Amino acid sequence: MKLRLTLAALCLGLNAAAVLASDDCDVPVERWQSRDAVQQHATRQGWQVQRLKIDDGCYEIHGRDAQGRSFKARLDPETLRVVKMKHSDDDQSHKDSRAKNH
């Protein structure tokens, strides 16, 4: 019986970890900031937006950062915080960087 409970707890824990690791956004549309607000936020970051779209409930920006590197960023539509950011240059140290406080 203890083994079953332990296995059940482990499975539930793994499922919760998978959900927390997701880079999808789950915000009701009525709480989203406007596309104009996203553009203004990007400008304040020094980004040049080449494309702005919605993907998996997040705003997704394709553009160039302040250093001129191409990037793709997923933003929470309510807070505009970066959920995930990926640079597509040759410098491997910048690949798939996760932002914490943008």
PDB file of N, CA and C in Angstrom:
ATOM      1  N   MET A   1       0.816  -1.196   0.000  1.00  0.00           N
ATOM      2  CA  MET A   1       0.000   0.000   0.000  1.00  0.00           C
ATOM      3  C   MET A   1       0.864   1.266   0.000  1.00  0.00           C
ATOM      4  N   LYS A   2       1.940   1.274   0.808  1.00  0.00           N
ATOM      5  CA  LYS A   2       2.836   2.436   0.851  1.00  0.00           C
ATOM      6  C   LYS A   2       3.469   2.672  -0.516  1.00  0.00           C
ATOM      7  N   LEU A   3       3.817   1.590  -1.197  1.00  0.00           N
ATOM      8  CA  LEU A   3       4.437   1.707  -2.518  1.00  0.00           C
ATOM      9  C   LEU A   3       3.476   2.372  -3.501  1.00  0.00           C
ATOM     10  N   ARG A   4       2.209   1.988  -3.471  1.00  0.00           N
ATOM     11  CA  ARG A   4       1.208   2.589  -4.360  1.00  0.00           C
ATOM     12  C   ARG A   4       1.049   4.077  -4.079  1.00  0.00           C
ATOM     13  N   LEU A   5       0.994   4.445  -2.809  1.00  0.00           N
ATOM     14  CA  LEU A   5       0.861   5.856  -2.450  1.00  0.00           C
ATOM     15  C   LEU A   5       2.091   6.649  -2.882  1.00  0.00           C
ATOM     16  N   THR A   6       3.256   6.066  -2.704  1.00  0.00           N
ATOM     17  CA  THR A   6       4.497   6.728  -3.108  1.00  0.00           C
ATOM     18  C   THR A   6       4.528   6.923  -4.616  1.00  0.00           C
ATOM     19  N   LEU A   7       4.158   5.887  -5.361  1.00  0.00           N
ATOM     20  CA  LEU A   7       4.130   5.990  -6.824  1.00  0.00           C
ATOM     21  C   LEU A   7       3.098   7.013  -7.293  1.00  0.00           C
ATOM     22  N   ALA A   8       1.946   7.022  -6.660  1.00  0.00           N
ATOM     23  CA  ALA A   8       0.908   7.993  -7.021  1.00  0.00           C
ATOM     24  C   ALA A   8       1.390   9.420  -6.764  1.00  0.00           C
ATOM     25  N   ALA A   9       2.024   9.634  -5.611  1.00  0.00           N
ATOM     26  CA  ALA A   9       2.546  10.965  -5.293  1.00  0.00           C
ATOM     27  C   ALA A   9       3.629  11.379  -6.283  1.00  0.00           C
ATOM     28  N   LEU A  10       4.465  10.450  -6.658  1.00  0.00           N
ATOM     29  CA  LEU A  10       5.529  10.741  -7.620  1.00  0.00           C
ATOM     30  C   LEU A  10       4.942  11.131  -8.972  1.00  0.00           C
ATOM     31  N   CYS A  11       3.946  10.393  -9.430  1.00  0.00           N
ATOM     32  CA  CYS A  11       3.307  10.703 -10.716  1.00  0.00           C
ATOM     33  C   CYS A  11       2.657  12.079 -10.685  1.00  0.00           C
ATOM     34  N   LEU A  12       1.964  12.392  -9.602  1.00  0.00           N
ATOM     35  CA  LEU A  12       1.341  13.714  -9.484  1.00  0.00           C
ATOM     36  C   LEU A  12       2.389  14.818  -9.471  1.00  0.00           C
ATOM     37  N   GLY A  13       3.489  14.584  -8.796  1.00  0.00           N
ATOM     38  CA  GLY A  13       4.569  15.569  -8.757  1.00  0.00           C
ATOM     39  C   GLY A  13       5.190  15.803 -10.115  1.00  0.00           C
ATOM     40  N   LEU A  14       5.386  14.736 -10.883  1.00  0.00           N
ATOM     41  CA  LEU A  14       5.953  14.878 -12.224  1.00  0.00           C
ATOM     42  C   LEU A  14       5.002  15.630 -13.139  1.00  0.00           C
ATOM     43  N   ASN A  15       3.709  15.363 -13.033  1.00  0.00           N
ATOM     44  CA  ASN A  15       2.736  16.093 -13.853  1.00  0.00           C
ATOM     45  C   ASN A  15       2.733  17.571 -13.505  1.00  0.00           C
ATOM     46  N   ALA A  16       2.804  17.898 -12.240  1.00  0.00           N
ATOM     47  CA  ALA A  16       2.829  19.307 -11.815  1.00  0.00           C
ATOM     48  C   ALA A  16       4.090  19.987 -12.322  1.00  0.00           C
ATOM     49  N   ALA A  17       5.216  19.319 -12.283  1.00  0.00           N
ATOM     50  CA  ALA A  17       6.472  19.903 -12.772  1.00  0.00           C
ATOM     51  C   ALA A  17       6.394  20.173 -14.264  1.00  0.00           C
ATOM     52  N   ALA A  18       5.773  19.272 -15.024  1.00  0.00           N
ATOM     53  CA  ALA A  18       5.638  19.470 -16.464  1.00  0.00           C
ATOM     54  C   ALA A  18       4.772  20.689 -16.762  1.00  0.00           C
ATOM     55  N   VAL A  19       3.720  20.887 -15.995  1.00  0.00           N
ATOM     56  CA  VAL A  19       2.857  22.048 -16.194  1.00  0.00           C
ATOM     57  C   VAL A  19       3.604  23.335 -15.858  1.00  0.00           C
ATOM     58  N   LEU A  20       4.347  23.348 -14.774  1.00  0.00           N
ATOM     59  CA  LEU A  20       5.086  24.538 -14.378  1.00  0.00           C
ATOM     60  C   LEU A  20       6.188  24.887 -15.371  1.00  0.00           C
ATOM     61  N   ALA A  21       6.738  23.900 -16.072  1.00  0.00           N
ATOM     62  CA  ALA A  21       7.827  24.138 -17.017  1.00  0.00           C
ATOM     63  C   ALA A  21       7.321  24.622 -18.370  1.00  0.00           C
ATOM     64  N   SER A  22       6.032  24.651 -18.586  1.00  0.00           N
ATOM     65  CA  SER A  22       5.453  25.034 -19.858  1.00  0.00           C
ATOM     66  C   SER A  22       5.752  26.494 -20.174  1.00  0.00           C
ATOM     67  N   ASP A  23       5.928  26.777 -21.463  1.00  0.00           N
ATOM     68  CA  ASP A  23       6.123  28.170 -21.865  1.00  0.00           C
ATOM     69  C   ASP A  23       4.879  28.707 -22.577  1.00  0.00           C
ATOM     70  N   ASP A  24       3.734  28.044 -22.377  1.00  0.00           N
ATOM     71  CA  ASP A  24       2.464  28.550 -22.867  1.00  0.00           C
ATOM     72  C   ASP A  24       1.930  29.575 -21.874  1.00  0.00           C
ATOM     73  N   CYS A  25       1.044  30.436 -22.347  1.00  0.00           N
ATOM     74  CA  CYS A  25       0.433  31.438 -21.477  1.00  0.00           C
ATOM     75  C   CYS A  25      -1.044  31.109 -21.317  1.00  0.00           C
ATOM     76  N   ASP A  26      -1.555  31.299 -20.120  1.00  0.00           N
ATOM     77  CA  ASP A  26      -2.952  30.978 -19.826  1.00  0.00           C
ATOM     78  C   ASP A  26      -3.583  32.167 -19.112  1.00  0.00           C
ATOM     79  N   VAL A  27      -3.837  33.223 -19.875  1.00  0.00           N
ATOM     80  CA  VAL A  27      -4.394  34.457 -19.319  1.00  0.00           C
ATOM     81  C   VAL A  27      -5.688  34.753 -20.061  1.00  0.00           C
ATOM     82  N   PRO A  28      -6.785  35.031 -19.351  1.00  0.00           N
ATOM     83  CA  PRO A  28      -8.036  35.394 -20.025  1.00  0.00           C
ATOM     84  C   PRO A  28      -7.835  36.621 -20.913  1.00  0.00           C
ATOM     85  N   VAL A  29      -8.441  36.617 -22.067  1.00  0.00           N
ATOM     86  CA  VAL A  29      -8.251  37.677 -23.071  1.00  0.00           C
ATOM     87  C   VAL A  29      -8.583  39.061 -22.512  1.00  0.00           C
ATOM     88  N   GLU A  30      -9.556  39.146 -21.616  1.00  0.00           N
ATOM     89  CA  GLU A  30      -9.929  40.459 -21.081  1.00  0.00           C
ATOM     90  C   GLU A  30      -8.827  41.087 -20.232  1.00  0.00           C
ATOM     91  N   ARG A  31      -7.818  40.312 -19.849  1.00  0.00           N
ATOM     92  CA  ARG A  31      -6.703  40.856 -19.054  1.00  0.00           C
ATOM     93  C   ARG A  31      -5.454  41.119 -19.902  1.00  0.00           C
ATOM     94  N   TRP A  32      -5.529  40.874 -21.198  1.00  0.00           N
ATOM     95  CA  TRP A  32      -4.384  41.085 -22.081  1.00  0.00           C
ATOM     96  C   TRP A  32      -4.118  42.571 -22.280  1.00  0.00           C
ATOM     97  N   GLN A  33      -2.843  42.895 -22.397  1.00  0.00           N
ATOM     98  CA  GLN A  33      -2.465  44.244 -22.824  1.00  0.00           C
ATOM     99  C   GLN A  33      -2.573  44.301 -24.348  1.00  0.00           C
ATOM    100  N   SER A  34      -2.715  45.502 -24.872  1.00  0.00           N
ATOM    101  CA  SER A  34      -2.912  45.685 -26.313  1.00  0.00           C
ATOM    102  C   SER A  34      -1.623  45.440 -27.098  1.00  0.00           C
ATOM    103  N   ARG A  35      -1.792  45.252 -28.410  1.00  0.00           N
ATOM    104  CA  ARG A  35      -0.629  45.093 -29.292  1.00  0.00           C
ATOM    105  C   ARG A  35       0.220  46.367 -29.271  1.00  0.00           C
ATOM    106  N   ASP A  36      -0.427  47.521 -29.140  1.00  0.00           N
ATOM    107  CA  ASP A  36       0.320  48.781 -29.039  1.00  0.00           C
ATOM    108  C   ASP A  36       1.192  48.788 -27.786  1.00  0.00           C
ATOM    109  N   ALA A  37       0.655  48.272 -26.682  1.00  0.00           N
ATOM    110  CA  ALA A  37       1.441  48.202 -25.439  1.00  0.00           C
ATOM    111  C   ALA A  37       2.638  47.276 -25.622  1.00  0.00           C
ATOM    112  N   VAL A  38       2.457  46.194 -26.367  1.00  0.00           N
ATOM    113  CA  VAL A  38       3.563  45.272 -26.637  1.00  0.00           C
ATOM    114  C   VAL A  38       4.633  45.978 -27.466  1.00  0.00           C
ATOM    115  N   GLN A  39       4.209  46.716 -28.489  1.00  0.00           N
ATOM    116  CA  GLN A  39       5.148  47.473 -29.324  1.00  0.00           C
ATOM    117  C   GLN A  39       5.929  48.487 -28.489  1.00  0.00           C
ATOM    118  N   GLN A  40       5.241  49.194 -27.607  1.00  0.00           N
ATOM    119  CA  GLN A  40       5.902  50.190 -26.755  1.00  0.00           C
ATOM    120  C   GLN A  40       6.892  49.516 -25.795  1.00  0.00           C
ATOM    121  N   HIS A  41       6.493  48.376 -25.242  1.00  0.00           N
ATOM    122  CA  HIS A  41       7.379  47.620 -24.351  1.00  0.00           C
ATOM    123  C   HIS A  41       8.643  47.201 -25.107  1.00  0.00           C
ATOM    124  N   ALA A  42       8.465  46.695 -26.319  1.00  0.00           N
ATOM    125  CA  ALA A  42       9.605  46.261 -27.133  1.00  0.00           C
ATOM    126  C   ALA A  42      10.544  47.430 -27.413  1.00  0.00           C
ATOM    127  N   THR A  43       9.985  48.581 -27.722  1.00  0.00           N
ATOM    128  CA  THR A  43      10.802  49.774 -27.986  1.00  0.00           C
ATOM    129  C   THR A  43      11.611  50.157 -26.747  1.00  0.00           C
ATOM    130  N   ARG A  44      10.978  50.090 -25.568  1.00  0.00           N
ATOM    131  CA  ARG A  44      11.700  50.408 -24.324  1.00  0.00           C
ATOM    132  C   ARG A  44      12.847  49.429 -24.068  1.00  0.00           C
ATOM    133  N   GLN A  45      12.723  48.192 -24.564  1.00  0.00           N
ATOM    134  CA  GLN A  45      13.779  47.198 -24.398  1.00  0.00           C
ATOM    135  C   GLN A  45      14.889  47.381 -25.437  1.00  0.00           C
ATOM    136  N   GLY A  46      14.672  48.259 -26.404  1.00  0.00           N
ATOM    137  CA  GLY A  46      15.649  48.453 -27.472  1.00  0.00           C
ATOM    138  C   GLY A  46      15.477  47.459 -28.606  1.00  0.00           C
ATOM    139  N   TRP A  47      14.306  46.837 -28.681  1.00  0.00           N
ATOM    140  CA  TRP A  47      14.041  45.832 -29.710  1.00  0.00           C
ATOM    141  C   TRP A  47      13.422  46.472 -30.940  1.00  0.00           C
ATOM    142  N   GLN A  48      13.775  45.941 -32.104  1.00  0.00           N
ATOM    143  CA  GLN A  48      13.133  46.302 -33.359  1.00  0.00           C
ATOM    144  C   GLN A  48      12.226  45.135 -33.726  1.00  0.00           C
ATOM    145  N   VAL A  49      10.931  45.362 -33.715  1.00  0.00           N
ATOM    146  CA  VAL A  49       9.961  44.298 -33.979  1.00  0.00           C
ATOM    147  C   VAL A  49       9.801  44.111 -35.486  1.00  0.00           C
ATOM    148  N   GLN A  50      10.032  42.886 -35.930  1.00  0.00           N
ATOM    149  CA  GLN A  50       9.815  42.553 -37.329  1.00  0.00           C
ATOM    150  C   GLN A  50       8.475  41.833 -37.519  1.00  0.00           C
ATOM    151  N   ARG A  51       8.055  41.116 -36.477  1.00  0.00           N
ATOM    152  CA  ARG A  51       6.788  40.398 -36.525  1.00  0.00           C
ATOM    153  C   ARG A  51       6.250  40.253 -35.107  1.00  0.00           C
ATOM    154  N   LEU A  52       4.957  40.481 -34.953  1.00  0.00           N
ATOM    155  CA  LEU A  52       4.285  40.306 -33.675  1.00  0.00           C
ATOM    156  C   LEU A  52       3.069  39.430 -33.921  1.00  0.00           C
ATOM    157  N   LYS A  53       2.998  38.302 -33.215  1.00  0.00           N
ATOM    158  CA  LYS A  53       1.867  37.402 -33.389  1.00  0.00           C
ATOM    159  C   LYS A  53       1.491  36.792 -32.044  1.00  0.00           C
ATOM    160  N   ILE A  54       0.422  36.020 -32.045  1.00  0.00           N
ATOM    161  CA  ILE A  54      -0.024  35.303 -30.856  1.00  0.00           C
ATOM    162  C   ILE A  54       0.191  33.822 -31.106  1.00  0.00           C
ATOM    163  N   ASP A  55       0.832  33.146 -30.140  1.00  0.00           N
ATOM    164  CA  ASP A  55       1.086  31.715 -30.255  1.00  0.00           C
ATOM    165  C   ASP A  55       0.957  31.074 -28.876  1.00  0.00           C
ATOM    166  N   ASP A  56       0.154  30.037 -28.766  1.00  0.00           N
ATOM    167  CA  ASP A  56      -0.069  29.321 -27.509  1.00  0.00           C
ATOM    168  C   ASP A  56      -0.457  30.264 -26.374  1.00  0.00           C
ATOM    169  N   GLY A  57      -1.268  31.270 -26.700  1.00  0.00           N
ATOM    170  CA  GLY A  57      -1.750  32.187 -25.679  1.00  0.00           C
ATOM    171  C   GLY A  57      -0.772  33.261 -25.264  1.00  0.00           C
ATOM    172  N   CYS A  58       0.396  33.312 -25.898  1.00  0.00           N
ATOM    173  CA  CYS A  58       1.418  34.321 -25.587  1.00  0.00           C
ATOM    174  C   CYS A  58       1.572  35.257 -26.788  1.00  0.00           C
ATOM    175  N   TYR A  59       2.037  36.462 -26.507  1.00  0.00           N
ATOM    176  CA  TYR A  59       2.526  37.301 -27.601  1.00  0.00           C
ATOM    177  C   TYR A  59       3.887  36.752 -27.998  1.00  0.00           C
ATOM    178  N   GLU A  60       4.156  36.703 -29.293  1.00  0.00           N
ATOM    179  CA  GLU A  60       5.457  36.256 -29.775  1.00  0.00           C
ATOM    180  C   GLU A  60       6.024  37.332 -30.684  1.00  0.00           C
ATOM    181  N   ILE A  61       7.224  37.755 -30.369  1.00  0.00           N
ATOM    182  CA  ILE A  61       7.907  38.792 -31.139  1.00  0.00           C
ATOM    183  C   ILE A  61       9.102  38.175 -31.849  1.00  0.00           C
ATOM    184  N   HIS A  62       9.224  38.467 -33.136  1.00  0.00           N
ATOM    185  CA  HIS A  62      10.429  38.159 -33.899  1.00  0.00           C
ATOM    186  C   HIS A  62      11.048  39.514 -34.219  1.00  0.00           C
ATOM    187  N   GLY A  63      12.339  39.651 -33.976  1.00  0.00           N
ATOM    188  CA  GLY A  63      12.961  40.934 -34.242  1.00  0.00           C
ATOM    189  C   GLY A  63      14.442  40.931 -33.967  1.00  0.00           C
ATOM    190  N   ARG A  64      14.956  42.130 -33.699  1.00  0.00           N
ATOM    191  CA  ARG A  64      16.372  42.311 -33.382  1.00  0.00           C
ATOM    192  C   ARG A  64      16.464  43.012 -32.034  1.00  0.00           C
ATOM    193  N   ASP A  65      17.419  42.550 -31.209  1.00  0.00           N
ATOM    194  CA  ASP A  65      17.590  43.166 -29.894  1.00  0.00           C
ATOM    195  C   ASP A  65      18.485  44.400 -30.007  1.00  0.00           C
ATOM    196  N   ALA A  66      18.783  45.019 -28.885  1.00  0.00           N
ATOM    197  CA  ALA A  66      19.570  46.254 -28.862  1.00  0.00           C
ATOM    198  C   ALA A  66      20.975  46.063 -29.415  1.00  0.00           C
ATOM    199  N   GLN A  67      21.490  44.813 -29.387  1.00  0.00           N
ATOM    200  CA  GLN A  67      22.818  44.524 -29.933  1.00  0.00           C
ATOM    201  C   GLN A  67      22.759  44.098 -31.399  1.00  0.00           C
ATOM    202  N   GLY A  68      21.571  44.103 -31.995  1.00  0.00           N
ATOM    203  CA  GLY A  68      21.423  43.764 -33.406  1.00  0.00           C
ATOM    204  C   GLY A  68      21.256  42.273 -33.678  1.00  0.00           C
ATOM    205  N   ARG A  69      21.124  41.459 -32.631  1.00  0.00           N
ATOM    206  CA  ARG A  69      20.960  40.017 -32.817  1.00  0.00           C
ATOM    207  C   ARG A  69      19.499  39.671 -33.083  1.00  0.00           C
ATOM    208  N   SER A  70      19.257  38.734 -33.989  1.00  0.00           N
ATOM    209  CA  SER A  70      17.903  38.236 -34.233  1.00  0.00           C
ATOM    210  C   SER A  70      17.436  37.444 -33.027  1.00  0.00           C
ATOM    211  N   PHE A  71      16.153  37.564 -32.717  1.00  0.00           N
ATOM    212  CA  PHE A  71      15.616  36.821 -31.580  1.00  0.00           C
ATOM    213  C   PHE A  71      14.136  36.520 -31.791  1.00  0.00           C
ATOM    214  N   LYS A  72      13.663  35.588 -30.986  1.00  0.00           N
ATOM    215  CA  LYS A  72      12.239  35.296 -30.877  1.00  0.00           C
ATOM    216  C   LYS A  72      11.934  35.290 -29.387  1.00  0.00           C
ATOM    217  N   ALA A  73      10.925  36.049 -28.968  1.00  0.00           N
ATOM    218  CA  ALA A  73      10.572  36.131 -27.557  1.00  0.00           C
ATOM    219  C   ALA A  73       9.087  35.870 -27.381  1.00  0.00           C
ATOM    220  N   ARG A  74       8.758  35.124 -26.328  1.00  0.00           N
ATOM    221  CA  ARG A  74       7.366  34.883 -25.946  1.00  0.00           C
ATOM    222  C   ARG A  74       7.101  35.728 -24.700  1.00  0.00           C
ATOM    223  N   LEU A  75       6.037  36.535 -24.744  1.00  0.00           N
ATOM    224  CA  LEU A  75       5.698  37.424 -23.639  1.00  0.00           C
ATOM    225  C   LEU A  75       4.343  37.055 -23.048  1.00  0.00           C
ATOM    226  N   ASP A  76       4.275  37.112 -21.722  1.00  0.00           N
ATOM    227  CA  ASP A  76       3.000  36.945 -21.032  1.00  0.00           C
ATOM    228  C   ASP A  76       2.107  38.115 -21.458  1.00  0.00           C
ATOM    229  N   PRO A  77       0.901  37.850 -21.947  1.00  0.00           N
ATOM    230  CA  PRO A  77       0.065  38.933 -22.481  1.00  0.00           C
ATOM    231  C   PRO A  77      -0.481  39.894 -21.429  1.00  0.00           C
ATOM    232  N   GLU A  78      -0.452  39.512 -20.159  1.00  0.00           N
ATOM    233  CA  GLU A  78      -0.940  40.393 -19.098  1.00  0.00           C
ATOM    234  C   GLU A  78       0.166  41.276 -18.542  1.00  0.00           C
ATOM    235  N   THR A  79       1.325  40.680 -18.254  1.00  0.00           N
ATOM    236  CA  THR A  79       2.419  41.413 -17.609  1.00  0.00           C
ATOM    237  C   THR A  79       3.489  41.881 -18.589  1.00  0.00           C
ATOM    238  N   LEU A  80       3.517  41.294 -19.767  1.00  0.00           N
ATOM    239  CA  LEU A  80       4.529  41.524 -20.807  1.00  0.00           C
ATOM    240  C   LEU A  80       5.917  41.060 -20.367  1.00  0.00           C
ATOM    241  N   ARG A  81       5.975  40.219 -19.335  1.00  0.00           N
ATOM    242  CA  ARG A  81       7.249  39.615 -18.941  1.00  0.00           C
ATOM    243  C   ARG A  81       7.633  38.548 -19.948  1.00  0.00           C
ATOM    244  N   VAL A  82       8.926  38.407 -20.207  1.00  0.00           N
ATOM    245  CA  VAL A  82       9.423  37.403 -21.142  1.00  0.00           C
ATOM    246  C   VAL A  82       9.281  36.025 -20.510  1.00  0.00           C
ATOM    247  N   VAL A  83       8.573  35.141 -21.209  1.00  0.00           N
ATOM    248  CA  VAL A  83       8.395  33.756 -20.773  1.00  0.00           C
ATOM    249  C   VAL A  83       9.547  32.907 -21.300  1.00  0.00           C
ATOM    250  N   LYS A  84       9.943  33.191 -22.540  1.00  0.00           N
ATOM    251  CA  LYS A  84      11.046  32.462 -23.172  1.00  0.00           C
ATOM    252  C   LYS A  84      11.639  33.365 -24.245  1.00  0.00           C
ATOM    253  N   MET A  85      12.954  33.274 -24.391  1.00  0.00           N
ATOM    254  CA  MET A  85      13.626  34.067 -25.423  1.00  0.00           C
ATOM    255  C   MET A  85      14.710  33.217 -26.052  1.00  0.00           C
ATOM    256  N   LYS A  86      14.763  33.269 -27.375  1.00  0.00           N
ATOM    257  CA  LYS A  86      15.757  32.493 -28.105  1.00  0.00           C
ATOM    258  C   LYS A  86      16.420  33.409 -29.123  1.00  0.00           C
ATOM    259  N   HIS A  87      17.752  33.501 -29.053  1.00  0.00           N
ATOM    260  CA  HIS A  87      18.508  34.259 -30.044  1.00  0.00           C
ATOM    261  C   HIS A  87      18.909  33.313 -31.166  1.00  0.00           C
ATOM    262  N   SER A  88      18.899  33.815 -32.383  1.00  0.00           N
ATOM    263  CA  SER A  88      19.268  32.968 -33.517  1.00  0.00           C
ATOM    264  C   SER A  88      20.514  33.496 -34.208  1.00  0.00           C
ATOM    265  N   ASP A  89      21.580  33.697 -33.400  1.00  0.00           N
ATOM    266  CA  ASP A  89      22.868  34.088 -33.960  1.00  0.00           C
ATOM    267  C   ASP A  89      23.840  32.923 -33.805  1.00  0.00           C
ATOM    268  N   ASP A  90      25.076  33.132 -34.153  1.00  0.00           N
ATOM    269  CA  ASP A  90      26.069  32.059 -34.083  1.00  0.00           C
ATOM    270  C   ASP A  90      26.661  31.889 -32.700  1.00  0.00           C
ATOM    271  N   ASP A  91      26.417  32.802 -31.786  1.00  0.00           N
ATOM    272  CA  ASP A  91      26.972  32.742 -30.441  1.00  0.00           C
ATOM    273  C   ASP A  91      26.134  31.796 -29.583  1.00  0.00           C
ATOM    274  N   GLN A  92      26.627  30.618 -29.323  1.00  0.00           N
ATOM    275  CA  GLN A  92      25.881  29.596 -28.598  1.00  0.00           C
ATOM    276  C   GLN A  92      25.566  29.999 -27.159  1.00  0.00           C
ATOM    277  N   SER A  93      26.304  30.931 -26.590  1.00  0.00           N
ATOM    278  CA  SER A  93      26.044  31.331 -25.208  1.00  0.00           C
ATOM    279  C   SER A  93      24.712  32.065 -25.074  1.00  0.00           C
ATOM    280  N   HIS A  94      24.151  32.558 -26.193  1.00  0.00           N
ATOM    281  CA  HIS A  94      22.891  33.275 -26.135  1.00  0.00           C
ATOM    282  C   HIS A  94      21.717  32.410 -26.554  1.00  0.00           C
ATOM    283  N   LYS A  95      21.970  31.199 -27.004  1.00  0.00           N
ATOM    284  CA  LYS A  95      20.886  30.334 -27.478  1.00  0.00           C
ATOM    285  C   LYS A  95      19.968  29.954 -26.333  1.00  0.00           C
ATOM    286  N   ASP A  96      18.671  30.038 -26.596  1.00  0.00           N
ATOM    287  CA  ASP A  96      17.638  29.576 -25.675  1.00  0.00           C
ATOM    288  C   ASP A  96      17.822  30.119 -24.263  1.00  0.00           C
ATOM    289  N   SER A  97      18.130  31.405 -24.171  1.00  0.00           N
ATOM    290  CA  SER A  97      18.262  32.008 -22.837  1.00  0.00           C
ATOM    291  C   SER A  97      16.878  32.247 -22.271  1.00  0.00           C
ATOM    292  N   ARG A  98      16.725  32.017 -20.988  1.00  0.00           N
ATOM    293  CA  ARG A  98      15.451  32.241 -20.313  1.00  0.00           C
ATOM    294  C   ARG A  98      15.571  33.524 -19.505  1.00  0.00           C
ATOM    295  N   ALA A  99      14.684  34.483 -19.799  1.00  0.00           N
ATOM    296  CA  ALA A  99      14.723  35.752 -19.070  1.00  0.00           C
ATOM    297  C   ALA A  99      13.966  35.621 -17.766  1.00  0.00           C
ATOM    298  N   LYS A 100      14.409  36.353 -16.761  1.00  0.00           N
ATOM    299  CA  LYS A 100      13.769  36.267 -15.460  1.00  0.00           C
ATOM    300  C   LYS A 100      13.003  37.539 -15.117  1.00  0.00           C
ATOM    301  N   ASN A 101      13.553  38.688 -15.404  1.00  0.00           N
ATOM    302  CA  ASN A 101      12.919  39.932 -14.956  1.00  0.00           C
ATOM    303  C   ASN A 101      12.824  40.968 -16.068  1.00  0.00           C
ATOM    304  N   HIS A 102      12.233  40.613 -17.181  1.00  0.00           N
ATOM    305  CA  HIS A 102      12.056  41.601 -18.258  1.00  0.00           C
ATOM    306  C   HIS A 102      10.661  42.100 -18.302  1.00  0.00           C
TER     307      HIS A 102
END
